[in-house]
Structures are given as structure tokens and as C-alpha cells.
N, C-alpha and C. Protein backbone atom coordinates (compact mmCIF):
# COMPACT_ATOMS: atom_id res chain seq x y z
N MET A 1 19.98 -17.59 5.86
CA MET A 1 19.10 -18.14 5.31
C MET A 1 18.73 -17.24 4.02
N ILE A 2 18.15 -18.10 2.87
CA ILE A 2 18.34 -17.72 1.48
C ILE A 2 16.59 -17.44 1.50
N LYS A 3 16.16 -16.12 0.55
CA LYS A 3 14.92 -16.15 0.35
C LYS A 3 14.49 -15.72 -0.99
N ASN A 4 13.44 -16.21 -1.96
CA ASN A 4 13.64 -15.94 -3.15
C ASN A 4 12.16 -15.44 -3.54
N LEU A 5 12.79 -14.46 -4.38
CA LEU A 5 11.72 -13.31 -4.71
C LEU A 5 11.67 -13.41 -6.15
N ILE A 6 10.58 -12.79 -6.71
CA ILE A 6 10.49 -12.23 -7.99
C ILE A 6 10.28 -10.55 -8.06
N CYS A 7 11.40 -10.03 -8.62
CA CYS A 7 11.15 -8.38 -8.60
C CYS A 7 10.02 -8.05 -9.31
N ILE A 8 9.21 -7.00 -8.98
CA ILE A 8 8.31 -6.45 -9.87
C ILE A 8 8.37 -4.93 -9.99
N GLU A 9 9.72 -4.51 -9.89
CA GLU A 9 10.20 -2.96 -10.09
C GLU A 9 10.40 -2.84 -11.58
N CYS A 10 10.29 -3.29 -12.41
CA CYS A 10 10.61 -3.26 -13.68
C CYS A 10 10.18 -4.80 -14.74
N PRO A 11 9.79 -4.48 -15.88
CA PRO A 11 9.60 -5.39 -16.54
C PRO A 11 10.35 -6.96 -16.90
N LYS A 12 11.64 -6.69 -16.55
CA LYS A 12 12.68 -7.70 -16.23
C LYS A 12 12.01 -8.95 -15.42
N SER A 13 11.48 -8.72 -14.43
CA SER A 13 10.93 -9.64 -13.38
C SER A 13 12.25 -10.60 -13.01
N CYS A 14 13.03 -9.98 -12.52
CA CYS A 14 14.25 -10.85 -12.15
C CYS A 14 13.82 -11.84 -10.74
N ALA A 15 14.57 -13.20 -10.93
CA ALA A 15 14.36 -13.94 -9.87
C ALA A 15 15.68 -13.70 -8.86
N LEU A 16 15.17 -12.93 -7.69
CA LEU A 16 15.86 -12.54 -6.52
C LEU A 16 16.40 -13.56 -5.82
N ALA A 17 17.56 -13.74 -4.95
CA ALA A 17 17.85 -14.63 -4.20
C ALA A 17 18.59 -13.57 -2.95
N LEU A 18 17.92 -13.58 -2.03
CA LEU A 18 18.09 -12.93 -0.79
C LEU A 18 18.80 -13.54 0.52
N ASP A 19 19.92 -13.25 0.94
CA ASP A 19 20.77 -13.72 2.03
C ASP A 19 20.04 -13.13 3.20
N ILE A 20 19.80 -13.56 4.16
CA ILE A 20 19.10 -12.91 5.15
C ILE A 20 19.80 -13.22 6.54
N GLU A 21 20.18 -12.21 7.18
CA GLU A 21 20.56 -12.75 8.66
C GLU A 21 20.08 -11.55 9.76
N ASN A 22 19.75 -12.14 10.87
CA ASN A 22 18.91 -11.35 11.72
C ASN A 22 17.88 -10.17 11.41
N CYS A 23 16.99 -10.90 10.47
CA CYS A 23 15.71 -10.18 9.65
C CYS A 23 16.52 -9.09 8.91
N ARG A 24 17.68 -9.28 8.85
CA ARG A 24 18.41 -7.91 7.86
C ARG A 24 18.88 -8.61 6.44
N VAL A 25 18.67 -7.88 5.57
CA VAL A 25 18.96 -8.28 4.02
C VAL A 25 20.49 -8.03 3.85
N VAL A 26 21.62 -9.19 3.84
CA VAL A 26 22.81 -8.70 3.84
C VAL A 26 23.39 -8.81 2.11
N LYS A 27 22.86 -9.85 1.25
CA LYS A 27 23.36 -10.01 0.14
C LYS A 27 22.00 -10.12 -0.89
N VAL A 28 21.94 -9.51 -2.00
CA VAL A 28 21.10 -9.63 -2.99
C VAL A 28 21.95 -10.21 -4.43
N SER A 29 21.23 -11.39 -5.09
CA SER A 29 21.77 -11.55 -6.32
C SER A 29 20.49 -11.83 -7.00
N GLY A 30 20.63 -12.00 -8.64
CA GLY A 30 20.01 -12.28 -9.48
C GLY A 30 19.10 -10.94 -10.17
N ASN A 31 19.61 -10.12 -9.69
CA ASN A 31 18.74 -8.44 -10.00
C ASN A 31 19.50 -8.07 -11.09
N GLN A 32 19.13 -7.60 -12.14
CA GLN A 32 19.63 -7.02 -13.17
C GLN A 32 19.86 -5.38 -13.33
N CYS A 33 19.21 -5.04 -12.39
CA CYS A 33 19.23 -3.61 -12.10
C CYS A 33 19.56 -2.93 -10.70
N PRO A 34 19.93 -1.74 -10.36
CA PRO A 34 19.74 -1.53 -9.04
C PRO A 34 18.38 -1.59 -8.11
N LYS A 35 17.33 -1.34 -8.96
CA LYS A 35 16.04 -1.45 -8.47
C LYS A 35 15.71 -2.90 -7.59
N GLY A 36 16.19 -3.97 -8.25
CA GLY A 36 16.00 -5.16 -7.79
C GLY A 36 16.90 -5.44 -6.37
N GLU A 37 17.66 -5.09 -6.34
CA GLU A 37 18.35 -4.96 -4.86
C GLU A 37 17.37 -3.95 -3.93
N ASP A 38 17.11 -2.82 -4.51
CA ASP A 38 16.25 -2.07 -3.48
C ASP A 38 15.07 -2.54 -3.09
N TYR A 39 14.27 -3.10 -3.92
CA TYR A 39 13.27 -3.74 -3.80
C TYR A 39 13.11 -4.83 -2.61
N GLY A 40 14.41 -5.68 -3.24
CA GLY A 40 14.45 -7.05 -2.07
C GLY A 40 14.50 -6.68 -0.96
N LYS A 41 15.33 -5.61 -0.53
CA LYS A 41 15.90 -5.05 0.60
C LYS A 41 14.39 -4.52 1.35
N ALA A 42 13.84 -3.82 0.57
CA ALA A 42 12.43 -3.26 1.21
C ALA A 42 11.43 -4.13 1.50
N GLU A 43 11.15 -5.19 0.66
CA GLU A 43 10.31 -6.36 1.01
C GLU A 43 10.72 -7.07 2.05
N ILE A 44 11.64 -7.34 2.52
CA ILE A 44 12.05 -7.86 3.36
C ILE A 44 12.29 -7.33 4.81
N GLU A 45 12.92 -6.26 4.90
CA GLU A 45 12.88 -5.33 5.92
C GLU A 45 11.67 -4.13 6.20
N ASN A 46 11.08 -3.94 5.43
CA ASN A 46 10.06 -3.21 5.65
C ASN A 46 9.13 -2.64 4.42
N PRO A 47 8.21 -4.05 4.34
CA PRO A 47 7.38 -3.97 2.93
C PRO A 47 6.05 -2.63 3.17
N LEU A 48 5.83 -2.50 2.05
CA LEU A 48 5.14 -1.43 2.08
C LEU A 48 4.18 -1.75 1.07
N ARG A 49 3.00 -1.20 1.29
CA ARG A 49 1.62 -1.64 0.15
C ARG A 49 0.58 -0.34 0.41
N ILE A 50 0.26 -0.07 -1.03
CA ILE A 50 -1.22 0.68 -1.29
C ILE A 50 -1.99 0.04 -0.95
N LEU A 51 -2.85 0.86 -0.02
CA LEU A 51 -4.37 0.11 0.48
C LEU A 51 -5.42 0.81 -0.51
N THR A 52 -6.24 -0.31 -0.87
CA THR A 52 -7.57 -0.11 -1.46
C THR A 52 -8.43 -0.79 -0.83
N ALA A 53 -9.60 -0.07 -0.49
CA ALA A 53 -10.78 -0.36 0.20
C ALA A 53 -12.14 0.48 -0.14
N THR A 54 -13.26 0.12 0.34
CA THR A 54 -14.23 1.10 0.18
C THR A 54 -15.02 1.66 1.65
N VAL A 55 -15.76 2.55 1.23
CA VAL A 55 -16.19 3.33 2.58
C VAL A 55 -17.69 3.29 2.31
N LEU A 56 -18.57 2.89 3.60
CA LEU A 56 -19.78 3.19 3.48
C LEU A 56 -20.37 4.41 3.03
N CYS A 57 -21.44 4.81 2.08
CA CYS A 57 -22.15 6.20 1.80
C CYS A 57 -23.58 6.07 2.36
N GLN A 58 -23.67 7.46 2.93
CA GLN A 58 -25.17 7.51 3.35
C GLN A 58 -25.72 8.77 2.76
N GLY A 59 -27.04 8.54 2.09
CA GLY A 59 -27.70 9.06 1.46
C GLY A 59 -27.11 9.36 -0.14
N LEU A 60 -26.39 8.83 -0.38
CA LEU A 60 -25.69 9.36 -1.89
C LEU A 60 -26.05 7.83 -2.81
N SER A 61 -25.85 8.26 -3.96
CA SER A 61 -26.42 7.42 -4.95
C SER A 61 -25.52 5.77 -4.95
N LEU A 62 -24.58 5.84 -4.50
CA LEU A 62 -23.58 4.69 -4.21
C LEU A 62 -23.68 4.38 -2.80
N LYS A 63 -23.85 2.84 -2.72
CA LYS A 63 -23.74 2.61 -1.34
C LYS A 63 -22.12 2.41 -0.72
N MET A 64 -21.22 2.19 -1.61
CA MET A 64 -20.33 1.97 -1.48
C MET A 64 -18.94 2.85 -2.05
N ALA A 65 -17.96 3.52 -1.47
CA ALA A 65 -17.18 4.59 -2.81
C ALA A 65 -15.72 3.85 -2.43
N PRO A 66 -15.24 3.84 -3.47
CA PRO A 66 -13.60 3.12 -3.38
C PRO A 66 -12.60 4.38 -3.14
N VAL A 67 -11.88 3.93 -2.13
CA VAL A 67 -10.65 4.60 -1.69
C VAL A 67 -9.54 4.10 -1.69
N ARG A 68 -8.42 4.81 -1.36
CA ARG A 68 -7.10 4.30 -1.51
C ARG A 68 -6.32 5.00 -0.87
N THR A 69 -5.07 4.89 -0.37
CA THR A 69 -3.93 5.61 0.75
C THR A 69 -3.25 6.21 -0.81
N ASP A 70 -2.70 7.13 -0.61
CA ASP A 70 -2.01 8.15 -1.82
C ASP A 70 -0.59 7.98 -2.00
N LYS A 71 -0.15 7.04 -1.02
CA LYS A 71 0.98 6.60 -0.92
C LYS A 71 1.29 4.90 -0.31
N PRO A 72 2.52 4.24 -0.26
CA PRO A 72 2.07 2.88 0.40
C PRO A 72 2.33 3.33 1.89
N ILE A 73 1.72 2.33 2.77
CA ILE A 73 1.85 2.26 4.04
C ILE A 73 2.67 1.20 4.53
N PRO A 74 2.85 1.13 5.65
CA PRO A 74 3.55 -0.62 6.18
C PRO A 74 2.89 -1.54 6.20
N LYS A 75 3.01 -2.65 5.85
CA LYS A 75 2.32 -3.85 5.46
C LYS A 75 1.49 -4.08 6.81
N ALA A 76 2.36 -4.09 8.08
CA ALA A 76 2.10 -4.23 9.32
C ALA A 76 0.87 -3.50 9.75
N LYS A 77 0.57 -2.11 9.18
CA LYS A 77 -0.26 -1.49 9.60
C LYS A 77 -1.78 -1.65 8.79
N ILE A 78 -1.61 -2.49 7.89
CA ILE A 78 -2.91 -2.83 6.86
C ILE A 78 -4.27 -3.24 7.80
N GLN A 79 -4.10 -4.26 8.75
CA GLN A 79 -5.40 -4.34 9.15
C GLN A 79 -6.25 -3.20 10.33
N GLU A 80 -5.18 -2.57 11.05
CA GLU A 80 -5.37 -1.27 11.68
C GLU A 80 -6.23 -0.15 10.76
N ALA A 81 -5.41 -0.23 9.48
CA ALA A 81 -6.00 1.00 8.70
C ALA A 81 -7.55 0.39 8.14
N VAL A 82 -7.64 -0.91 7.71
CA VAL A 82 -8.62 -1.48 7.33
C VAL A 82 -9.97 -1.08 8.35
N SER A 83 -9.45 -1.58 10.26
CA SER A 83 -10.29 -1.45 10.97
C SER A 83 -10.92 0.11 10.98
N GLU A 84 -10.29 1.22 10.64
CA GLU A 84 -10.62 2.46 10.93
C GLU A 84 -11.21 3.06 9.53
N ILE A 85 -11.09 2.49 8.51
CA ILE A 85 -11.95 2.41 7.27
C ILE A 85 -13.23 2.21 7.52
N ARG A 86 -13.35 1.14 8.01
CA ARG A 86 -14.53 0.21 8.76
C ARG A 86 -15.42 1.27 8.99
N LYS A 87 -15.30 1.99 9.78
CA LYS A 87 -15.48 3.09 10.80
C LYS A 87 -16.09 4.20 9.95
N MET A 88 -15.77 4.72 9.10
CA MET A 88 -16.10 5.82 8.11
C MET A 88 -17.34 5.93 7.13
N ARG A 89 -17.81 6.83 7.42
CA ARG A 89 -18.99 7.04 6.40
C ARG A 89 -18.68 8.42 5.90
N ILE A 90 -19.37 7.86 4.50
CA ILE A 90 -19.27 9.21 3.49
C ILE A 90 -21.00 9.86 3.52
N GLY A 91 -20.92 11.41 3.78
CA GLY A 91 -22.42 11.62 3.74
C GLY A 91 -22.36 12.84 2.91
N ARG A 92 -21.26 13.30 1.92
CA ARG A 92 -21.49 14.44 1.26
C ARG A 92 -21.10 13.91 -0.22
N VAL A 93 -21.17 14.77 -1.29
CA VAL A 93 -20.53 14.43 -2.51
C VAL A 93 -19.07 14.84 -2.65
N VAL A 94 -18.41 13.65 -3.30
CA VAL A 94 -16.88 13.44 -3.32
C VAL A 94 -16.71 13.42 -4.73
N GLN A 95 -15.31 14.05 -5.18
CA GLN A 95 -14.95 13.93 -6.40
C GLN A 95 -13.81 12.78 -6.26
N SER A 96 -13.39 12.22 -7.56
CA SER A 96 -12.36 11.29 -7.32
C SER A 96 -11.20 12.26 -7.18
N GLY A 97 -9.97 11.90 -6.11
CA GLY A 97 -9.18 12.72 -5.80
C GLY A 97 -9.34 13.42 -4.68
N ASP A 98 -10.51 13.23 -3.90
CA ASP A 98 -10.93 14.08 -2.85
C ASP A 98 -10.11 13.54 -1.80
N ILE A 99 -9.59 14.13 -0.82
CA ILE A 99 -9.03 13.79 0.55
C ILE A 99 -10.23 13.41 1.40
N LEU A 100 -10.13 12.51 1.88
CA LEU A 100 -11.18 11.75 2.80
C LEU A 100 -10.72 11.69 4.41
N ALA A 101 -9.27 11.71 4.38
CA ALA A 101 -8.53 12.04 5.81
C ALA A 101 -7.25 12.00 5.68
N ARG A 102 -6.95 13.11 6.04
CA ARG A 102 -5.37 13.55 5.93
C ARG A 102 -4.52 12.76 7.03
N ASP A 103 -3.47 12.50 6.63
CA ASP A 103 -2.31 12.17 7.68
C ASP A 103 -2.89 10.71 8.60
N PHE A 104 -3.67 9.83 7.61
CA PHE A 104 -4.42 8.63 7.99
C PHE A 104 -3.48 7.77 8.94
N LEU A 105 -3.97 7.54 10.28
CA LEU A 105 -3.26 7.09 11.02
C LEU A 105 -2.03 7.32 11.68
N GLY A 106 -1.71 8.78 11.21
CA GLY A 106 -0.37 9.12 11.37
C GLY A 106 0.86 9.26 10.38
N LEU A 107 0.45 8.17 9.89
CA LEU A 107 1.54 7.65 8.77
C LEU A 107 2.07 8.43 7.53
N GLY A 108 1.36 9.81 7.47
CA GLY A 108 1.88 10.51 6.46
C GLY A 108 1.38 10.47 5.26
N VAL A 109 0.20 9.67 5.24
CA VAL A 109 -0.35 9.35 4.03
C VAL A 109 -1.81 9.91 4.23
N ASN A 110 -2.60 10.21 2.68
CA ASN A 110 -3.97 10.72 2.58
C ASN A 110 -4.80 9.35 2.16
N LEU A 111 -6.20 9.51 2.87
CA LEU A 111 -7.24 8.50 2.19
C LEU A 111 -7.78 8.78 1.38
N ILE A 112 -7.97 8.82 0.13
CA ILE A 112 -8.45 9.44 -0.93
C ILE A 112 -9.69 8.81 -1.63
N ALA A 113 -10.49 9.32 -2.36
CA ALA A 113 -11.79 8.74 -2.88
C ALA A 113 -11.07 8.41 -4.16
N THR A 114 -11.60 7.42 -5.20
CA THR A 114 -11.20 7.25 -6.42
C THR A 114 -12.09 7.04 -7.50
N ARG A 115 -13.40 7.67 -6.91
CA ARG A 115 -14.39 7.77 -7.69
C ARG A 115 -15.66 8.60 -7.41
N GLU A 116 -15.92 9.46 -8.17
CA GLU A 116 -16.99 10.58 -7.90
C GLU A 116 -18.34 9.66 -7.62
N CYS A 117 -18.49 10.43 -6.07
CA CYS A 117 -19.53 9.68 -5.47
C CYS A 117 -20.87 10.79 -4.99
N GLY A 118 -21.84 10.71 -5.77
CA GLY A 118 -23.06 11.72 -5.38
C GLY A 118 -24.25 11.51 -5.34
């Protein structure tokens, strides 16, 4: 099966053609740099995303505080992560970059605040 993607790793935006067999990429064509091959394989075999969301604040000037993971997480874990974030509450002053949850969901990433909330 051939899957077509646009590479987003560099400004060239190469049109990739990925030959897929048994859920594995066996050939990548159309890439103009090595990043395209790596991107195509990762996007099919193990897609990762930075998760951005908001957490409810209690007793603070903001009602919601923006947060994100400090590294990408598997796309398949996004719904589980969002469910956990919905359960969270911030009741203290936080600064941008403060860690709200270490090793979030056991994925080796931290959930961090992206704005001062006080």
C-alpha cells in the first residue's frame, strides 16, 4: 500500500510516498533530505504529538491555565492524557515552565504550565 504525506521537518515540505507492508514502512521516496525518511517512518509506525490543553484553576485570577507536555507523546495516548488533565486542578501560583506532573502517565514526559497563573 502506498501512503502519501507532506513532510514537515524542514521548509522544503517534500511530498513523500511511503510503501507500507504489514504496518511497517519498507520504502520512502520523494524526500530531499534524510529527515523526510525518518519523519515518514515515525508518522506511520509510531506517531508522536506534543499535547496542549488547559487545567482548571481554583481561587486564582485565571479560570483555566494553559499546559503542555515538554516532549511528544504517542498519539494513541492522547485521549488518556486528556482524561487525566481534566481531573487536575491548580490551586497555587504557577510560573510558565513549572512542572505540574512529573513523568506524566509514566511516559517519561512532564506536564508543564505555559503561562503564569496567580
